[in-house]
Every structure is written in C-alpha cells, then in structure tokens.
Amino acid sequence: MFARIGAKLLLAMVGVALIFFGVGFIILGIATALGPYMGAAWGDVIAGAIFLVPPLIWALAVASTRPPKPAPASQILATLIAAAMKETPWLALVSAGLAGAADLFLKRNKSKK
C-alpha cells in the first residue's frame, strides 16, 4: 500500500518538475529569440510577461465576478404558512404535532429479545 502511494507521489513530483522546467525552457527560448532585437533584459521581461499576464487577467476576472443570485423561493410554502396562521390557532397545531409524534412513538415496532 505504501509502495503504491510512494510511486504515485514520485510520479506526481516528476510531472511537476517536467512542467516547471518545460515552462522555464520555453521562457528561456523566447527570451533568447528576443535578445538580439530588444536586448537580453527586455527579452526576459517580455517572455515573463507572456506567461504571467494571461493567468493574472484570468485570476482577476474570476475573483471579480460575483456568484449568481439564488433563485427566489417558491411562494407556495409561504402562502400555506400564512393561511395556517390566519385560520388555525397555534395551540391546536402544536398539540396535533405532539399527539402525532407520541402516536408514532407508542406504535413503533419493538424488537423482542
């Protein structure tokens, strides 16, 4: 079990290293290609910006959007509760609920030992 977890962890670390160095070499290649035209420093800046700006724009867009408002609740339940409050006394509702719960409790099937 630990060997499988260790193998998966090693594979994940190798994958992360490949991505890290692959992106680094791509940036180095872009910077080297831009070097003769703009100088080494500006080539590095432009190559870094090519890889840095799009994820930053995406992160700002995701962070700035608000989650959608939830759909309004159905008015049926509110109407039923309002009708019950107008026409039925609260004491009758509570006592009926307690009587129903007591009836369920007393009629439950008890296991015999």
PDB file of N, CA and C in Angstrom:
ATOM      1  N   MET A   1       0.821  -1.185   0.000  1.00  0.00           N
ATOM      2  CA  MET A   1       0.000   0.000   0.000  1.00  0.00           C
ATOM      3  C   MET A   1       0.868   1.254   0.000  1.00  0.00           C
ATOM      4  N   PHE A   2       1.884   1.262   0.882  1.00  0.00           N
ATOM      5  CA  PHE A   2       2.756   2.430   0.944  1.00  0.00           C
ATOM      6  C   PHE A   2       3.616   2.549  -0.306  1.00  0.00           C
ATOM      7  N   ALA A   3       3.921   1.412  -0.944  1.00  0.00           N
ATOM      8  CA  ALA A   3       4.714   1.454  -2.171  1.00  0.00           C
ATOM      9  C   ALA A   3       3.917   2.122  -3.289  1.00  0.00           C
ATOM     10  N   ARG A   4       2.619   1.836  -3.360  1.00  0.00           N
ATOM     11  CA  ARG A   4       1.793   2.474  -4.394  1.00  0.00           C
ATOM     12  C   ARG A   4       1.677   3.975  -4.152  1.00  0.00           C
ATOM     13  N   ILE A   5       1.469   4.339  -2.908  1.00  0.00           N
ATOM     14  CA  ILE A   5       1.378   5.772  -2.588  1.00  0.00           C
ATOM     15  C   ILE A   5       2.692   6.459  -2.891  1.00  0.00           C
ATOM     16  N   GLY A   6       3.801   5.822  -2.540  1.00  0.00           N
ATOM     17  CA  GLY A   6       5.116   6.391  -2.832  1.00  0.00           C
ATOM     18  C   GLY A   6       5.367   6.515  -4.321  1.00  0.00           C
ATOM     19  N   ALA A   7       4.949   5.502  -5.099  1.00  0.00           N
ATOM     20  CA  ALA A   7       5.128   5.564  -6.550  1.00  0.00           C
ATOM     21  C   ALA A   7       4.294   6.679  -7.163  1.00  0.00           C
ATOM     22  N   LYS A   8       3.060   6.836  -6.696  1.00  0.00           N
ATOM     23  CA  LYS A   8       2.204   7.916  -7.201  1.00  0.00           C
ATOM     24  C   LYS A   8       2.763   9.282  -6.824  1.00  0.00           C
ATOM     25  N   LEU A   9       3.301   9.386  -5.613  1.00  0.00           N
ATOM     26  CA  LEU A   9       3.900  10.647  -5.182  1.00  0.00           C
ATOM     27  C   LEU A   9       5.126  10.984  -6.015  1.00  0.00           C
ATOM     28  N   LEU A  10       5.948   9.985  -6.290  1.00  0.00           N
ATOM     29  CA  LEU A  10       7.135  10.202  -7.118  1.00  0.00           C
ATOM     30  C   LEU A  10       6.735  10.594  -8.531  1.00  0.00           C
ATOM     31  N   LEU A  11       5.724   9.945  -9.089  1.00  0.00           N
ATOM     32  CA  LEU A  11       5.247  10.280 -10.424  1.00  0.00           C
ATOM     33  C   LEU A  11       4.703  11.705 -10.465  1.00  0.00           C
ATOM     34  N   ALA A  12       3.985  12.104  -9.438  1.00  0.00           N
ATOM     35  CA  ALA A  12       3.465  13.473  -9.379  1.00  0.00           C
ATOM     36  C   ALA A  12       4.608  14.480  -9.288  1.00  0.00           C
ATOM     37  N   MET A  13       5.624  14.172  -8.501  1.00  0.00           N
ATOM     38  CA  MET A  13       6.766  15.093  -8.378  1.00  0.00           C
ATOM     39  C   MET A  13       7.511  15.210  -9.699  1.00  0.00           C
ATOM     40  N   VAL A  14       7.670  14.109 -10.409  1.00  0.00           N
ATOM     41  CA  VAL A  14       8.337  14.147 -11.712  1.00  0.00           C
ATOM     42  C   VAL A  14       7.510  14.974 -12.690  1.00  0.00           C
ATOM     43  N   GLY A  15       6.189  14.806 -12.662  1.00  0.00           N
ATOM     44  CA  GLY A  15       5.320  15.590 -13.544  1.00  0.00           C
ATOM     45  C   GLY A  15       5.414  17.081 -13.265  1.00  0.00           C
ATOM     46  N   VAL A  16       5.413  17.448 -12.004  1.00  0.00           N
ATOM     47  CA  VAL A  16       5.533  18.862 -11.636  1.00  0.00           C
ATOM     48  C   VAL A  16       6.885  19.411 -12.072  1.00  0.00           C
ATOM     49  N   ALA A  17       7.945  18.632 -11.893  1.00  0.00           N
ATOM     50  CA  ALA A  17       9.281  19.077 -12.310  1.00  0.00           C
ATOM     51  C   ALA A  17       9.348  19.251 -13.825  1.00  0.00           C
ATOM     52  N   LEU A  18       8.747  18.330 -14.578  1.00  0.00           N
ATOM     53  CA  LEU A  18       8.738  18.458 -16.037  1.00  0.00           C
ATOM     54  C   LEU A  18       8.000  19.715 -16.484  1.00  0.00           C
ATOM     55  N   ILE A  19       6.868  19.978 -15.862  1.00  0.00           N
ATOM     56  CA  ILE A  19       6.120  21.194 -16.204  1.00  0.00           C
ATOM     57  C   ILE A  19       6.934  22.432 -15.849  1.00  0.00           C
ATOM     58  N   PHE A  20       7.524  22.458 -14.656  1.00  0.00           N
ATOM     59  CA  PHE A  20       8.299  23.618 -14.205  1.00  0.00           C
ATOM     60  C   PHE A  20       9.464  23.893 -15.144  1.00  0.00           C
ATOM     61  N   PHE A  21      10.254  22.868 -15.436  1.00  0.00           N
ATOM     62  CA  PHE A  21      11.416  23.083 -16.293  1.00  0.00           C
ATOM     63  C   PHE A  21      11.014  23.289 -17.747  1.00  0.00           C
ATOM     64  N   GLY A  22       9.908  22.658 -18.183  1.00  0.00           N
ATOM     65  CA  GLY A  22       9.440  22.889 -19.547  1.00  0.00           C
ATOM     66  C   GLY A  22       9.032  24.333 -19.770  1.00  0.00           C
ATOM     67  N   VAL A  23       8.274  24.880 -18.840  1.00  0.00           N
ATOM     68  CA  VAL A  23       7.880  26.289 -18.947  1.00  0.00           C
ATOM     69  C   VAL A  23       9.115  27.181 -18.857  1.00  0.00           C
ATOM     70  N   GLY A  24      10.038  26.827 -17.987  1.00  0.00           N
ATOM     71  CA  GLY A  24      11.272  27.619 -17.873  1.00  0.00           C
ATOM     72  C   GLY A  24      12.068  27.641 -19.161  1.00  0.00           C
ATOM     73  N   PHE A  25      12.182  26.485 -19.819  1.00  0.00           N
ATOM     74  CA  PHE A  25      12.927  26.442 -21.074  1.00  0.00           C
ATOM     75  C   PHE A  25      12.186  27.153 -22.201  1.00  0.00           C
ATOM     76  N   ILE A  26      10.860  27.106 -22.178  1.00  0.00           N
ATOM     77  CA  ILE A  26      10.107  27.867 -23.175  1.00  0.00           C
ATOM     78  C   ILE A  26      10.354  29.360 -22.990  1.00  0.00           C
ATOM     79  N   ILE A  27      10.316  29.819 -21.761  1.00  0.00           N
ATOM     80  CA  ILE A  27      10.586  31.234 -21.486  1.00  0.00           C
ATOM     81  C   ILE A  27      12.009  31.588 -21.881  1.00  0.00           C
ATOM     82  N   LEU A  28      12.955  30.709 -21.581  1.00  0.00           N
ATOM     83  CA  LEU A  28      14.351  30.959 -21.952  1.00  0.00           C
ATOM     84  C   LEU A  28      14.495  31.044 -23.468  1.00  0.00           C
ATOM     85  N   GLY A  29      13.786  30.164 -24.197  1.00  0.00           N
ATOM     86  CA  GLY A  29      13.851  30.211 -25.655  1.00  0.00           C
ATOM     87  C   GLY A  29      13.265  31.489 -26.214  1.00  0.00           C
ATOM     88  N   ILE A  30      12.140  31.922 -25.666  1.00  0.00           N
ATOM     89  CA  ILE A  30      11.538  33.181 -26.132  1.00  0.00           C
ATOM     90  C   ILE A  30      12.461  34.347 -25.820  1.00  0.00           C
ATOM     91  N   ALA A  31      13.020  34.351 -24.604  1.00  0.00           N
ATOM     92  CA  ALA A  31      13.921  35.443 -24.231  1.00  0.00           C
ATOM     93  C   ALA A  31      15.165  35.451 -25.104  1.00  0.00           C
ATOM     94  N   THR A  32      15.709  34.292 -25.434  1.00  0.00           N
ATOM     95  CA  THR A  32      16.889  34.221 -26.302  1.00  0.00           C
ATOM     96  C   THR A  32      16.554  34.694 -27.715  1.00  0.00           C
ATOM     97  N   ALA A  33      15.356  34.336 -28.200  1.00  0.00           N
ATOM     98  CA  ALA A  33      14.950  34.770 -29.532  1.00  0.00           C
ATOM     99  C   ALA A  33      14.735  36.278 -29.592  1.00  0.00           C
ATOM    100  N   LEU A  34      14.255  36.877 -28.505  1.00  0.00           N
ATOM    101  CA  LEU A  34      14.013  38.325 -28.480  1.00  0.00           C
ATOM    102  C   LEU A  34      15.277  39.114 -28.149  1.00  0.00           C
ATOM    103  N   GLY A  35      16.298  38.446 -27.634  1.00  0.00           N
ATOM    104  CA  GLY A  35      17.527  39.113 -27.213  1.00  0.00           C
ATOM    105  C   GLY A  35      18.183  39.980 -28.266  1.00  0.00           C
ATOM    106  N   PRO A  36      18.407  39.473 -29.475  1.00  0.00           N
ATOM    107  CA  PRO A  36      19.076  40.311 -30.478  1.00  0.00           C
ATOM    108  C   PRO A  36      18.270  41.546 -30.894  1.00  0.00           C
ATOM    109  N   TYR A  37      16.971  41.483 -30.772  1.00  0.00           N
ATOM    110  CA  TYR A  37      16.136  42.600 -31.209  1.00  0.00           C
ATOM    111  C   TYR A  37      15.933  43.644 -30.119  1.00  0.00           C
ATOM    112  N   MET A  38      15.834  43.241 -28.866  1.00  0.00           N
ATOM    113  CA  MET A  38      15.491  44.169 -27.800  1.00  0.00           C
ATOM    114  C   MET A  38      16.498  44.186 -26.673  1.00  0.00           C
ATOM    115  N   GLY A  39      17.457  43.342 -26.673  1.00  0.00           N
ATOM    116  CA  GLY A  39      18.405  43.245 -25.574  1.00  0.00           C
ATOM    117  C   GLY A  39      17.991  42.116 -24.640  1.00  0.00           C
ATOM    118  N   ALA A  40      18.934  41.638 -23.870  1.00  0.00           N
ATOM    119  CA  ALA A  40      18.686  40.478 -23.012  1.00  0.00           C
ATOM    120  C   ALA A  40      17.659  40.789 -21.927  1.00  0.00           C
ATOM    121  N   ALA A  41      17.773  41.948 -21.309  1.00  0.00           N
ATOM    122  CA  ALA A  41      16.876  42.286 -20.205  1.00  0.00           C
ATOM    123  C   ALA A  41      15.428  42.418 -20.698  1.00  0.00           C
ATOM    124  N   TRP A  42      15.213  43.150 -21.797  1.00  0.00           N
ATOM    125  CA  TRP A  42      13.856  43.322 -22.306  1.00  0.00           C
ATOM    126  C   TRP A  42      13.301  42.020 -22.866  1.00  0.00           C
ATOM    127  N   GLY A  43      14.153  41.172 -23.395  1.00  0.00           N
ATOM    128  CA  GLY A  43      13.696  39.861 -23.853  1.00  0.00           C
ATOM    129  C   GLY A  43      13.177  39.031 -22.693  1.00  0.00           C
ATOM    130  N   ASP A  44      13.877  39.088 -21.551  1.00  0.00           N
ATOM    131  CA  ASP A  44      13.419  38.381 -20.357  1.00  0.00           C
ATOM    132  C   ASP A  44      12.096  38.949 -19.848  1.00  0.00           C
ATOM    133  N   VAL A  45      11.981  40.275 -19.860  1.00  0.00           N
ATOM    134  CA  VAL A  45      10.755  40.911 -19.377  1.00  0.00           C
ATOM    135  C   VAL A  45       9.563  40.527 -20.246  1.00  0.00           C
ATOM    136  N   ILE A  46       9.734  40.570 -21.548  1.00  0.00           N
ATOM    137  CA  ILE A  46       8.623  40.249 -22.449  1.00  0.00           C
ATOM    138  C   ILE A  46       8.261  38.770 -22.348  1.00  0.00           C
ATOM    139  N   ALA A  47       9.257  37.901 -22.276  1.00  0.00           N
ATOM    140  CA  ALA A  47       8.977  36.472 -22.157  1.00  0.00           C
ATOM    141  C   ALA A  47       8.255  36.173 -20.842  1.00  0.00           C
ATOM    142  N   GLY A  48       8.665  36.811 -19.764  1.00  0.00           N
ATOM    143  CA  GLY A  48       7.985  36.621 -18.482  1.00  0.00           C
ATOM    144  C   GLY A  48       6.560  37.146 -18.517  1.00  0.00           C
ATOM    145  N   ALA A  49       6.363  38.294 -19.184  1.00  0.00           N
ATOM    146  CA  ALA A  49       5.027  38.877 -19.274  1.00  0.00           C
ATOM    147  C   ALA A  49       4.089  38.004 -20.092  1.00  0.00           C
ATOM    148  N   ILE A  50       4.639  37.350 -21.125  1.00  0.00           N
ATOM    149  CA  ILE A  50       3.806  36.472 -21.944  1.00  0.00           C
ATOM    150  C   ILE A  50       3.218  35.349 -21.100  1.00  0.00           C
ATOM    151  N   PHE A  51       3.973  34.848 -20.135  1.00  0.00           N
ATOM    152  CA  PHE A  51       3.495  33.748 -19.307  1.00  0.00           C
ATOM    153  C   PHE A  51       2.825  34.217 -18.021  1.00  0.00           C
ATOM    154  N   LEU A  52       3.007  35.469 -17.632  1.00  0.00           N
ATOM    155  CA  LEU A  52       2.461  35.948 -16.371  1.00  0.00           C
ATOM    156  C   LEU A  52       1.134  36.683 -16.540  1.00  0.00           C
ATOM    157  N   VAL A  53       1.002  37.496 -17.571  1.00  0.00           N
ATOM    158  CA  VAL A  53      -0.170  38.353 -17.708  1.00  0.00           C
ATOM    159  C   VAL A  53      -1.468  37.570 -17.955  1.00  0.00           C
ATOM    160  N   PRO A  54      -1.525  36.587 -18.865  1.00  0.00           N
ATOM    161  CA  PRO A  54      -2.810  35.887 -19.063  1.00  0.00           C
ATOM    162  C   PRO A  54      -3.357  35.204 -17.802  1.00  0.00           C
ATOM    163  N   PRO A  55      -2.523  34.497 -17.001  1.00  0.00           N
ATOM    164  CA  PRO A  55      -3.105  33.938 -15.776  1.00  0.00           C
ATOM    165  C   PRO A  55      -3.563  35.009 -14.785  1.00  0.00           C
ATOM    166  N   LEU A  56      -2.859  36.140 -14.745  1.00  0.00           N
ATOM    167  CA  LEU A  56      -3.294  37.222 -13.851  1.00  0.00           C
ATOM    168  C   LEU A  56      -4.629  37.805 -14.288  1.00  0.00           C
ATOM    169  N   ILE A  57      -4.810  37.990 -15.581  1.00  0.00           N
ATOM    170  CA  ILE A  57      -6.084  38.501 -16.085  1.00  0.00           C
ATOM    171  C   ILE A  57      -7.202  37.517 -15.770  1.00  0.00           C
ATOM    172  N   TRP A  58      -6.929  36.225 -15.973  1.00  0.00           N
ATOM    173  CA  TRP A  58      -7.924  35.207 -15.658  1.00  0.00           C
ATOM    174  C   TRP A  58      -8.270  35.215 -14.170  1.00  0.00           C
ATOM    175  N   ALA A  59      -7.250  35.300 -13.297  1.00  0.00           N
ATOM    176  CA  ALA A  59      -7.492  35.297 -11.856  1.00  0.00           C
ATOM    177  C   ALA A  59      -8.300  36.526 -11.436  1.00  0.00           C
ATOM    178  N   LEU A  60      -7.995  37.683 -12.001  1.00  0.00           N
ATOM    179  CA  LEU A  60      -8.768  38.887 -11.679  1.00  0.00           C
ATOM    180  C   LEU A  60     -10.208  38.768 -12.167  1.00  0.00           C
ATOM    181  N   ALA A  61     -10.402  38.177 -13.342  1.00  0.00           N
ATOM    182  CA  ALA A  61     -11.759  38.015 -13.860  1.00  0.00           C
ATOM    183  C   ALA A  61     -12.561  37.063 -12.984  1.00  0.00           C
ATOM    184  N   VAL A  62     -11.940  35.988 -12.534  1.00  0.00           N
ATOM    185  CA  VAL A  62     -12.649  35.026 -11.683  1.00  0.00           C
ATOM    186  C   VAL A  62     -12.939  35.638 -10.317  1.00  0.00           C
ATOM    187  N   ALA A  63     -11.976  36.395  -9.776  1.00  0.00           N
ATOM    188  CA  ALA A  63     -12.164  36.981  -8.453  1.00  0.00           C
ATOM    189  C   ALA A  63     -13.179  38.122  -8.469  1.00  0.00           C
ATOM    190  N   SER A  64     -13.292  38.821  -9.589  1.00  0.00           N
ATOM    191  CA  SER A  64     -14.175  39.980  -9.623  1.00  0.00           C
ATOM    192  C   SER A  64     -15.625  39.620  -9.931  1.00  0.00           C
ATOM    193  N   THR A  65     -15.870  38.435 -10.478  1.00  0.00           N
ATOM    194  CA  THR A  65     -17.250  38.064 -10.762  1.00  0.00           C
ATOM    195  C   THR A  65     -17.935  37.612  -9.485  1.00  0.00           C
ATOM    196  N   ARG A  66     -19.158  38.010  -9.344  1.00  0.00           N
ATOM    197  CA  ARG A  66     -19.943  37.630  -8.169  1.00  0.00           C
ATOM    198  C   ARG A  66     -20.709  36.363  -8.482  1.00  0.00           C
ATOM    199  N   PRO A  67     -20.954  35.541  -7.475  1.00  0.00           N
ATOM    200  CA  PRO A  67     -21.762  34.342  -7.734  1.00  0.00           C
ATOM    201  C   PRO A  67     -23.188  34.750  -8.093  1.00  0.00           C
ATOM    202  N   PRO A  68     -23.860  33.953  -8.907  1.00  0.00           N
ATOM    203  CA  PRO A  68     -25.227  34.316  -9.285  1.00  0.00           C
ATOM    204  C   PRO A  68     -26.157  34.303  -8.077  1.00  0.00           C
ATOM    205  N   LYS A  69     -27.135  35.181  -8.135  1.00  0.00           N
ATOM    206  CA  LYS A  69     -28.109  35.248  -7.045  1.00  0.00           C
ATOM    207  C   LYS A  69     -28.951  33.984  -7.046  1.00  0.00           C
ATOM    208  N   PRO A  70     -29.276  33.481  -5.870  1.00  0.00           N
ATOM    209  CA  PRO A  70     -30.109  32.269  -5.835  1.00  0.00           C
ATOM    210  C   PRO A  70     -31.512  32.580  -6.345  1.00  0.00           C
ATOM    211  N   ALA A  71     -32.131  31.571  -6.901  1.00  0.00           N
ATOM    212  CA  ALA A  71     -33.491  31.732  -7.407  1.00  0.00           C
ATOM    213  C   ALA A  71     -34.433  32.022  -6.247  1.00  0.00           C
ATOM    214  N   PRO A  72     -35.427  32.848  -6.470  1.00  0.00           N
ATOM    215  CA  PRO A  72     -36.355  33.151  -5.373  1.00  0.00           C
ATOM    216  C   PRO A  72     -37.106  31.890  -4.947  1.00  0.00           C
ATOM    217  N   ALA A  73     -37.331  31.810  -3.659  1.00  0.00           N
ATOM    218  CA  ALA A  73     -38.023  30.637  -3.108  1.00  0.00           C
ATOM    219  C   ALA A  73     -39.465  30.622  -3.579  1.00  0.00           C
ATOM    220  N   SER A  74     -39.997  29.443  -3.632  1.00  0.00           N
ATOM    221  CA  SER A  74     -41.377  29.299  -4.056  1.00  0.00           C
ATOM    222  C   SER A  74     -42.296  29.965  -3.030  1.00  0.00           C
ATOM    223  N   GLN A  75     -43.301  30.628  -3.511  1.00  0.00           N
ATOM    224  CA  GLN A  75     -44.228  31.337  -2.629  1.00  0.00           C
ATOM    225  C   GLN A  75     -45.329  30.422  -2.101  1.00  0.00           C
ATOM    226  N   ILE A  76     -45.358  29.180  -2.555  1.00  0.00           N
ATOM    227  CA  ILE A  76     -46.427  28.265  -2.125  1.00  0.00           C
ATOM    228  C   ILE A  76     -46.326  27.985  -0.637  1.00  0.00           C
ATOM    229  N   LEU A  77     -45.107  27.688  -0.163  1.00  0.00           N
ATOM    230  CA  LEU A  77     -44.932  27.380   1.253  1.00  0.00           C
ATOM    231  C   LEU A  77     -45.285  28.589   2.119  1.00  0.00           C
ATOM    232  N   ALA A  78     -44.860  29.769   1.708  1.00  0.00           N
ATOM    233  CA  ALA A  78     -45.176  30.973   2.472  1.00  0.00           C
ATOM    234  C   ALA A  78     -46.684  31.209   2.515  1.00  0.00           C
ATOM    235  N   THR A  79     -47.364  30.937   1.416  1.00  0.00           N
ATOM    236  CA  THR A  79     -48.819  31.105   1.376  1.00  0.00           C
ATOM    237  C   THR A  79     -49.511  30.116   2.304  1.00  0.00           C
ATOM    238  N   LEU A  80     -49.039  28.863   2.313  1.00  0.00           N
ATOM    239  CA  LEU A  80     -49.642  27.864   3.194  1.00  0.00           C
ATOM    240  C   LEU A  80     -49.427  28.213   4.667  1.00  0.00           C
ATOM    241  N   ILE A  81     -48.244  28.673   5.006  1.00  0.00           N
ATOM    242  CA  ILE A  81     -47.968  29.053   6.395  1.00  0.00           C
ATOM    243  C   ILE A  81     -48.816  30.248   6.797  1.00  0.00           C
ATOM    244  N   ALA A  82     -48.941  31.206   5.892  1.00  0.00           N
ATOM    245  CA  ALA A  82     -49.769  32.381   6.203  1.00  0.00           C
ATOM    246  C   ALA A  82     -51.227  31.981   6.411  1.00  0.00           C
ATOM    247  N   ALA A  83     -51.707  31.065   5.576  1.00  0.00           N
ATOM    248  CA  ALA A  83     -53.094  30.607   5.735  1.00  0.00           C
ATOM    249  C   ALA A  83     -53.269  29.861   7.050  1.00  0.00           C
ATOM    250  N   ALA A  84     -52.285  29.054   7.432  1.00  0.00           N
ATOM    251  CA  ALA A  84     -52.382  28.322   8.697  1.00  0.00           C
ATOM    252  C   ALA A  84     -52.348  29.280   9.872  1.00  0.00           C
ATOM    253  N   MET A  85     -51.588  30.348   9.778  1.00  0.00           N
ATOM    254  CA  MET A  85     -51.508  31.310  10.876  1.00  0.00           C
ATOM    255  C   MET A  85     -52.820  32.081  11.030  1.00  0.00           C
ATOM    256  N   LYS A  86     -53.515  32.340   9.918  1.00  0.00           N
ATOM    257  CA  LYS A  86     -54.754  33.099   9.990  1.00  0.00           C
ATOM    258  C   LYS A  86     -55.911  32.258  10.547  1.00  0.00           C
ATOM    259  N   GLU A  87     -56.014  31.021  10.076  1.00  0.00           N
ATOM    260  CA  GLU A  87     -57.219  30.250  10.342  1.00  0.00           C
ATOM    261  C   GLU A  87     -57.091  29.258  11.484  1.00  0.00           C
ATOM    262  N   THR A  88     -55.896  28.809  11.819  1.00  0.00           N
ATOM    263  CA  THR A  88     -55.739  27.757  12.818  1.00  0.00           C
ATOM    264  C   THR A  88     -54.990  28.307  14.023  1.00  0.00           C
ATOM    265  N   PRO A  89     -55.515  28.100  15.199  1.00  0.00           N
ATOM    266  CA  PRO A  89     -54.791  28.548  16.391  1.00  0.00           C
ATOM    267  C   PRO A  89     -53.496  27.754  16.559  1.00  0.00           C
ATOM    268  N   TRP A  90     -52.468  28.443  17.025  1.00  0.00           N
ATOM    269  CA  TRP A  90     -51.153  27.812  17.188  1.00  0.00           C
ATOM    270  C   TRP A  90     -51.183  26.667  18.198  1.00  0.00           C
ATOM    271  N   LEU A  91     -51.967  26.800  19.213  1.00  0.00           N
ATOM    272  CA  LEU A  91     -52.041  25.743  20.223  1.00  0.00           C
ATOM    273  C   LEU A  91     -52.575  24.442  19.620  1.00  0.00           C
ATOM    274  N   ALA A  92     -53.510  24.550  18.699  1.00  0.00           N
ATOM    275  CA  ALA A  92     -54.057  23.361  18.040  1.00  0.00           C
ATOM    276  C   ALA A  92     -52.998  22.704  17.154  1.00  0.00           C
ATOM    277  N   LEU A  93     -52.239  23.522  16.437  1.00  0.00           N
ATOM    278  CA  LEU A  93     -51.176  22.970  15.585  1.00  0.00           C
ATOM    279  C   LEU A  93     -50.107  22.257  16.410  1.00  0.00           C
ATOM    280  N   VAL A  94     -49.672  22.888  17.488  1.00  0.00           N
ATOM    281  CA  VAL A  94     -48.620  22.294  18.319  1.00  0.00           C
ATOM    282  C   VAL A  94     -49.114  21.013  18.984  1.00  0.00           C
ATOM    283  N   SER A  95     -50.329  21.049  19.505  1.00  0.00           N
ATOM    284  CA  SER A  95     -50.839  19.849  20.177  1.00  0.00           C
ATOM    285  C   SER A  95     -51.076  18.721  19.175  1.00  0.00           C
ATOM    286  N   ALA A  96     -51.498  19.027  17.979  1.00  0.00           N
ATOM    287  CA  ALA A  96     -51.682  17.988  16.964  1.00  0.00           C
ATOM    288  C   ALA A  96     -50.334  17.383  16.579  1.00  0.00           C
ATOM    289  N   GLY A  97     -49.301  18.202  16.458  1.00  0.00           N
ATOM    290  CA  GLY A  97     -47.967  17.694  16.158  1.00  0.00           C
ATOM    291  C   GLY A  97     -47.427  16.814  17.259  1.00  0.00           C
ATOM    292  N   LEU A  98     -47.624  17.230  18.510  1.00  0.00           N
ATOM    293  CA  LEU A  98     -47.163  16.416  19.645  1.00  0.00           C
ATOM    294  C   LEU A  98     -47.943  15.110  19.743  1.00  0.00           C
ATOM    295  N   ALA A  99     -49.236  15.171  19.481  1.00  0.00           N
ATOM    296  CA  ALA A  99     -50.041  13.950  19.519  1.00  0.00           C
ATOM    297  C   ALA A  99     -49.602  12.984  18.424  1.00  0.00           C
ATOM    298  N   GLY A 100     -49.323  13.494  17.247  1.00  0.00           N
ATOM    299  CA  GLY A 100     -48.849  12.636  16.160  1.00  0.00           C
ATOM    300  C   GLY A 100     -47.503  12.012  16.474  1.00  0.00           C
ATOM    301  N   ALA A 101     -46.595  12.785  17.053  1.00  0.00           N
ATOM    302  CA  ALA A 101     -45.285  12.245  17.423  1.00  0.00           C
ATOM    303  C   ALA A 101     -45.413  11.199  18.509  1.00  0.00           C
ATOM    304  N   ALA A 102     -46.268  11.436  19.492  1.00  0.00           N
ATOM    305  CA  ALA A 102     -46.466  10.454  20.565  1.00  0.00           C
ATOM    306  C   ALA A 102     -47.096   9.179  20.016  1.00  0.00           C
ATOM    307  N   ASP A 103     -48.029   9.318  19.082  1.00  0.00           N
ATOM    308  CA  ASP A 103     -48.661   8.146  18.481  1.00  0.00           C
ATOM    309  C   ASP A 103     -47.638   7.305  17.719  1.00  0.00           C
ATOM    310  N   LEU A 104     -46.758   7.963  16.950  1.00  0.00           N
ATOM    311  CA  LEU A 104     -45.703   7.242  16.240  1.00  0.00           C
ATOM    312  C   LEU A 104     -44.754   6.557  17.214  1.00  0.00           C
ATOM    313  N   PHE A 105     -44.438   7.219  18.304  1.00  0.00           N
ATOM    314  CA  PHE A 105     -43.511   6.657  19.282  1.00  0.00           C
ATOM    315  C   PHE A 105     -44.112   5.437  19.968  1.00  0.00           C
ATOM    316  N   LEU A 106     -45.403   5.505  20.289  1.00  0.00           N
ATOM    317  CA  LEU A 106     -46.040   4.398  21.003  1.00  0.00           C
ATOM    318  C   LEU A 106     -46.346   3.208  20.101  1.00  0.00           C
ATOM    319  N   LYS A 107     -46.548   3.439  18.804  1.00  0.00           N
ATOM    320  CA  LYS A 107     -46.901   2.348  17.897  1.00  0.00           C
ATOM    321  C   LYS A 107     -45.698   1.747  17.172  1.00  0.00           C
ATOM    322  N   ARG A 108     -44.506   2.146  17.506  1.00  0.00           N
ATOM    323  CA  ARG A 108     -43.337   1.624  16.796  1.00  0.00           C
ATOM    324  C   ARG A 108     -43.138   0.154  17.134  1.00  0.00           C
ATOM    325  N   ASN A 109     -42.512  -0.564  16.229  1.00  0.00           N
ATOM    326  CA  ASN A 109     -42.262  -1.993  16.446  1.00  0.00           C
ATOM    327  C   ASN A 109     -41.047  -2.149  17.330  1.00  0.00           C
ATOM    328  N   LYS A 110     -41.267  -2.812  18.444  1.00  0.00           N
ATOM    329  CA  LYS A 110     -40.167  -3.059  19.363  1.00  0.00           C
ATOM    330  C   LYS A 110     -39.644  -4.457  19.097  1.00  0.00           C
ATOM    331  N   SER A 111     -38.330  -4.607  19.044  1.00  0.00           N
ATOM    332  CA  SER A 111     -37.750  -5.930  18.809  1.00  0.00           C
ATOM    333  C   SER A 111     -37.819  -6.742  20.102  1.00  0.00           C
ATOM    334  N   LYS A 112     -38.153  -7.996  19.946  1.00  0.00           N
ATOM    335  CA  LYS A 112     -38.235  -8.877  21.126  1.00  0.00           C
ATOM    336  C   LYS A 112     -36.926  -9.610  21.275  1.00  0.00           C
ATOM    337  N   LYS A 113     -36.464  -9.710  22.504  1.00  0.00           N
ATOM    338  CA  LYS A 113     -35.184 -10.386  22.774  1.00  0.00           C
ATOM    339  C   LYS A 113     -35.370 -11.836  23.064  1.00  0.00           C
TER     340      LYS A 113
END
